[in-house]
């Protein structure tokens, strides 16, 4: 798999839509990334982030993100106490 940040149309996933997730989304959008999928266990946080940045796509199901071969990069921005479950899915 070729990991590159030069293709601004590639699919990116962001897990965690809290404070740091918002900062990262703002940065990715300012860098002209266009195909950003977001997920948060608390769907309300994802909806709030999409309200700020309408171009985002919300995925409610983390497994769909895991199974999507077109997502080349995924950012995990969750509290350390909640990292184990999503990280274990990504590395298994």
N, C-alpha and C. Protein backbone atom coordinates (compact mmCIF):
# COMPACT_ATOMS: atom_id res chain seq x y z
N UNK A 1 0.84 -1.17 0.00
CA UNK A 1 0.00 0.00 0.00
C UNK A 1 0.89 1.24 0.00
N UNK A 2 0.51 2.21 -0.80
CA UNK A 2 1.30 3.43 -0.93
C UNK A 2 0.69 4.53 -0.07
N UNK A 3 1.38 4.90 0.99
CA UNK A 3 0.89 5.96 1.87
C UNK A 3 1.47 7.28 1.40
N UNK A 4 0.61 8.21 1.04
CA UNK A 4 1.05 9.48 0.52
C UNK A 4 0.13 10.59 0.99
N UNK A 5 0.70 11.72 1.27
CA UNK A 5 -0.11 12.88 1.61
C UNK A 5 -0.17 13.87 0.46
N UNK A 6 0.35 13.50 -0.71
CA UNK A 6 0.32 14.41 -1.85
C UNK A 6 -1.00 14.31 -2.62
N UNK A 7 -1.69 13.19 -2.53
CA UNK A 7 -2.97 13.02 -3.22
C UNK A 7 -4.09 13.59 -2.35
N UNK A 8 -4.54 14.77 -2.69
CA UNK A 8 -5.55 15.46 -1.87
C UNK A 8 -6.95 14.87 -2.02
N UNK A 9 -7.14 13.95 -2.99
CA UNK A 9 -8.45 13.32 -3.19
C UNK A 9 -8.55 11.96 -2.52
N UNK A 10 -7.46 11.48 -1.91
CA UNK A 10 -7.50 10.17 -1.27
C UNK A 10 -8.48 10.17 -0.10
N UNK A 11 -8.98 9.01 0.23
CA UNK A 11 -9.88 8.87 1.38
C UNK A 11 -9.05 8.83 2.66
N UNK A 12 -9.44 9.66 3.61
CA UNK A 12 -8.83 9.67 4.93
C UNK A 12 -9.92 9.41 5.96
N UNK A 13 -9.59 8.73 7.01
CA UNK A 13 -10.54 8.51 8.10
C UNK A 13 -9.99 9.13 9.38
N UNK A 14 -10.89 9.67 10.16
CA UNK A 14 -10.53 10.27 11.42
C UNK A 14 -11.46 9.70 12.49
N UNK A 15 -10.86 9.03 13.47
CA UNK A 15 -11.62 8.42 14.56
C UNK A 15 -11.44 9.29 15.79
N UNK A 16 -12.52 9.92 16.22
CA UNK A 16 -12.48 10.83 17.36
C UNK A 16 -12.77 12.25 16.92
N UNK A 17 -13.90 12.79 17.31
CA UNK A 17 -14.34 14.10 16.83
C UNK A 17 -14.41 15.13 17.94
N UNK A 18 -13.58 14.96 18.94
CA UNK A 18 -13.56 15.93 20.04
C UNK A 18 -12.66 17.11 19.72
N UNK A 19 -12.07 17.66 20.73
CA UNK A 19 -11.23 18.87 20.60
C UNK A 19 -10.11 18.67 19.58
N UNK A 20 -9.27 17.64 19.78
CA UNK A 20 -8.14 17.43 18.87
C UNK A 20 -8.58 16.96 17.50
N UNK A 21 -9.67 16.21 17.43
CA UNK A 21 -10.21 15.81 16.14
C UNK A 21 -10.61 17.02 15.31
N UNK A 22 -11.22 18.00 15.97
CA UNK A 22 -11.61 19.24 15.29
C UNK A 22 -10.40 19.98 14.75
N UNK A 23 -9.36 20.05 15.55
CA UNK A 23 -8.13 20.72 15.11
C UNK A 23 -7.53 20.01 13.92
N UNK A 24 -7.49 18.68 13.96
CA UNK A 24 -6.92 17.93 12.84
C UNK A 24 -7.75 18.09 11.58
N UNK A 25 -9.08 18.05 11.69
CA UNK A 25 -9.94 18.24 10.53
C UNK A 25 -9.70 19.61 9.92
N UNK A 26 -9.63 20.63 10.76
CA UNK A 26 -9.39 21.98 10.27
C UNK A 26 -8.06 22.04 9.51
N UNK A 27 -7.04 21.37 10.02
CA UNK A 27 -5.74 21.34 9.37
C UNK A 27 -5.82 20.60 8.03
N UNK A 28 -6.46 19.43 8.01
CA UNK A 28 -6.57 18.66 6.77
C UNK A 28 -7.33 19.44 5.70
N UNK A 29 -8.41 20.10 6.09
CA UNK A 29 -9.17 20.90 5.13
C UNK A 29 -8.35 22.08 4.64
N UNK A 30 -7.60 22.71 5.52
CA UNK A 30 -6.75 23.84 5.09
C UNK A 30 -5.65 23.37 4.13
N UNK A 31 -5.30 22.08 4.23
CA UNK A 31 -4.29 21.52 3.30
C UNK A 31 -4.95 20.97 2.04
N UNK A 32 -6.24 21.22 1.87
CA UNK A 32 -7.02 20.88 0.67
C UNK A 32 -7.38 19.41 0.52
N UNK A 33 -7.38 18.65 1.61
CA UNK A 33 -7.87 17.27 1.55
C UNK A 33 -9.38 17.33 1.44
N UNK A 34 -9.95 16.50 0.56
CA UNK A 34 -11.36 16.62 0.21
C UNK A 34 -12.22 15.45 0.63
N UNK A 35 -11.66 14.31 0.88
CA UNK A 35 -12.44 13.09 1.10
C UNK A 35 -12.18 12.56 2.51
N UNK A 36 -12.74 13.25 3.51
CA UNK A 36 -12.48 12.91 4.91
C UNK A 36 -13.72 12.27 5.52
N UNK A 37 -13.52 11.09 6.08
CA UNK A 37 -14.59 10.36 6.74
C UNK A 37 -14.33 10.44 8.25
N UNK A 38 -15.37 10.75 9.00
CA UNK A 38 -15.21 10.87 10.45
C UNK A 38 -16.08 9.85 11.18
N UNK A 39 -15.61 9.48 12.37
CA UNK A 39 -16.35 8.54 13.22
C UNK A 39 -16.08 8.90 14.67
N UNK A 40 -17.11 8.80 15.48
CA UNK A 40 -16.96 8.94 16.92
C UNK A 40 -17.99 8.03 17.58
N UNK A 41 -17.60 7.42 18.67
CA UNK A 41 -18.55 6.57 19.41
C UNK A 41 -19.79 7.36 19.78
N UNK A 42 -19.59 8.63 20.10
CA UNK A 42 -20.70 9.52 20.41
C UNK A 42 -21.08 10.24 19.11
N UNK A 43 -22.13 9.76 18.47
CA UNK A 43 -22.55 10.28 17.16
C UNK A 43 -22.81 11.79 17.20
N UNK A 44 -23.21 12.30 18.34
CA UNK A 44 -23.47 13.74 18.48
C UNK A 44 -22.21 14.56 18.18
N UNK A 45 -21.04 14.07 18.60
CA UNK A 45 -19.78 14.77 18.32
C UNK A 45 -19.50 14.80 16.82
N UNK A 46 -19.76 13.69 16.15
CA UNK A 46 -19.55 13.64 14.69
C UNK A 46 -20.49 14.63 13.99
N UNK A 47 -21.73 14.69 14.44
CA UNK A 47 -22.69 15.62 13.83
C UNK A 47 -22.27 17.07 14.06
N UNK A 48 -21.76 17.38 15.23
CA UNK A 48 -21.30 18.74 15.51
C UNK A 48 -20.12 19.12 14.61
N UNK A 49 -19.21 18.18 14.42
CA UNK A 49 -18.05 18.44 13.57
C UNK A 49 -18.48 18.62 12.11
N UNK A 50 -19.42 17.82 11.65
CA UNK A 50 -19.92 17.96 10.28
C UNK A 50 -20.64 19.29 10.10
N UNK A 51 -21.29 19.76 11.15
CA UNK A 51 -21.97 21.05 11.06
C UNK A 51 -20.94 22.17 10.82
N UNK A 52 -19.78 22.06 11.46
CA UNK A 52 -18.70 23.05 11.26
C UNK A 52 -18.05 22.91 9.90
N UNK A 53 -17.94 21.65 9.42
CA UNK A 53 -17.25 21.36 8.15
C UNK A 53 -18.16 20.46 7.31
N UNK A 54 -19.09 21.05 6.54
CA UNK A 54 -20.09 20.26 5.81
C UNK A 54 -19.54 19.26 4.79
N UNK A 55 -18.31 19.42 4.35
CA UNK A 55 -17.75 18.49 3.36
C UNK A 55 -17.41 17.12 3.95
N UNK A 56 -17.38 17.00 5.27
CA UNK A 56 -17.05 15.73 5.91
C UNK A 56 -18.15 14.70 5.68
N UNK A 57 -17.75 13.44 5.71
CA UNK A 57 -18.71 12.34 5.62
C UNK A 57 -18.67 11.59 6.95
N UNK A 58 -19.82 11.32 7.53
CA UNK A 58 -19.89 10.60 8.80
C UNK A 58 -20.11 9.12 8.52
N UNK A 59 -19.32 8.29 9.18
CA UNK A 59 -19.55 6.84 9.15
C UNK A 59 -19.84 6.40 10.58
N UNK A 60 -21.03 5.87 10.79
CA UNK A 60 -21.44 5.43 12.13
C UNK A 60 -20.76 4.13 12.53
N UNK A 61 -20.41 3.30 11.56
CA UNK A 61 -19.89 1.96 11.82
C UNK A 61 -18.38 1.91 11.63
N UNK A 62 -17.65 1.73 12.72
CA UNK A 62 -16.19 1.67 12.65
C UNK A 62 -15.72 0.52 11.76
N UNK A 63 -16.45 -0.58 11.76
CA UNK A 63 -16.04 -1.73 10.93
C UNK A 63 -16.05 -1.40 9.44
N UNK A 64 -16.95 -0.53 9.01
CA UNK A 64 -16.97 -0.13 7.60
C UNK A 64 -15.70 0.63 7.23
N UNK A 65 -15.20 1.41 8.16
CA UNK A 65 -13.94 2.12 7.93
C UNK A 65 -12.80 1.10 7.84
N UNK A 66 -12.81 0.14 8.75
CA UNK A 66 -11.75 -0.88 8.75
C UNK A 66 -11.73 -1.69 7.46
N UNK A 67 -12.88 -1.93 6.87
CA UNK A 67 -12.97 -2.77 5.68
C UNK A 67 -12.83 -2.01 4.37
N UNK A 68 -12.77 -0.70 4.42
CA UNK A 68 -12.68 0.11 3.21
C UNK A 68 -11.23 0.18 2.72
N UNK A 69 -10.92 -0.53 1.64
CA UNK A 69 -9.54 -0.59 1.11
C UNK A 69 -9.09 0.74 0.52
N UNK A 70 -10.01 1.63 0.26
CA UNK A 70 -9.65 2.91 -0.35
C UNK A 70 -9.19 3.93 0.68
N UNK A 71 -9.35 3.63 1.95
CA UNK A 71 -8.85 4.51 3.00
C UNK A 71 -7.38 4.16 3.23
N UNK A 72 -6.50 5.08 2.84
CA UNK A 72 -5.07 4.81 2.96
C UNK A 72 -4.48 5.30 4.28
N UNK A 73 -5.13 6.27 4.88
CA UNK A 73 -4.63 6.84 6.13
C UNK A 73 -5.77 7.02 7.11
N UNK A 74 -5.51 6.66 8.36
CA UNK A 74 -6.53 6.80 9.39
C UNK A 74 -5.88 7.44 10.62
N UNK A 75 -6.53 8.46 11.13
CA UNK A 75 -6.04 9.16 12.31
C UNK A 75 -6.90 8.74 13.50
N UNK A 76 -6.27 8.28 14.55
CA UNK A 76 -6.96 7.85 15.75
C UNK A 76 -6.73 8.92 16.82
N UNK A 77 -7.79 9.66 17.14
CA UNK A 77 -7.67 10.77 18.07
C UNK A 77 -8.68 10.55 19.19
N UNK A 78 -8.39 9.59 20.02
CA UNK A 78 -9.27 9.26 21.12
C UNK A 78 -8.50 9.35 22.43
N UNK A 79 -9.20 9.49 23.54
CA UNK A 79 -8.50 9.53 24.83
C UNK A 79 -7.73 8.23 25.06
N UNK A 80 -6.56 8.29 25.68
CA UNK A 80 -5.77 7.08 25.93
C UNK A 80 -6.56 5.96 26.59
N UNK A 81 -7.47 6.31 27.47
CA UNK A 81 -8.25 5.28 28.17
C UNK A 81 -9.21 4.54 27.23
N UNK A 82 -9.46 5.10 26.05
CA UNK A 82 -10.38 4.48 25.09
C UNK A 82 -9.68 4.01 23.82
N UNK A 83 -8.37 4.06 23.78
CA UNK A 83 -7.61 3.69 22.57
C UNK A 83 -7.61 2.21 22.27
N UNK A 84 -7.65 1.37 23.29
CA UNK A 84 -7.40 -0.06 23.08
C UNK A 84 -8.35 -0.69 22.07
N UNK A 85 -9.64 -0.46 22.21
CA UNK A 85 -10.62 -1.12 21.33
C UNK A 85 -10.40 -0.76 19.86
N UNK A 86 -10.35 0.53 19.49
CA UNK A 86 -10.14 0.81 18.07
C UNK A 86 -8.76 0.39 17.56
N UNK A 87 -7.74 0.59 18.37
CA UNK A 87 -6.39 0.21 17.93
C UNK A 87 -6.31 -1.29 17.71
N UNK A 88 -6.88 -2.07 18.59
CA UNK A 88 -6.83 -3.53 18.44
C UNK A 88 -7.54 -3.98 17.17
N UNK A 89 -8.59 -3.27 16.76
CA UNK A 89 -9.28 -3.61 15.51
C UNK A 89 -8.39 -3.30 14.30
N UNK A 90 -7.66 -2.21 14.37
CA UNK A 90 -6.82 -1.81 13.23
C UNK A 90 -5.61 -2.72 13.06
N UNK A 91 -5.06 -3.25 14.15
CA UNK A 91 -3.86 -4.06 14.01
C UNK A 91 -4.13 -5.55 13.90
N UNK A 92 -5.38 -5.98 14.06
CA UNK A 92 -5.65 -7.41 13.97
C UNK A 92 -6.00 -7.82 12.55
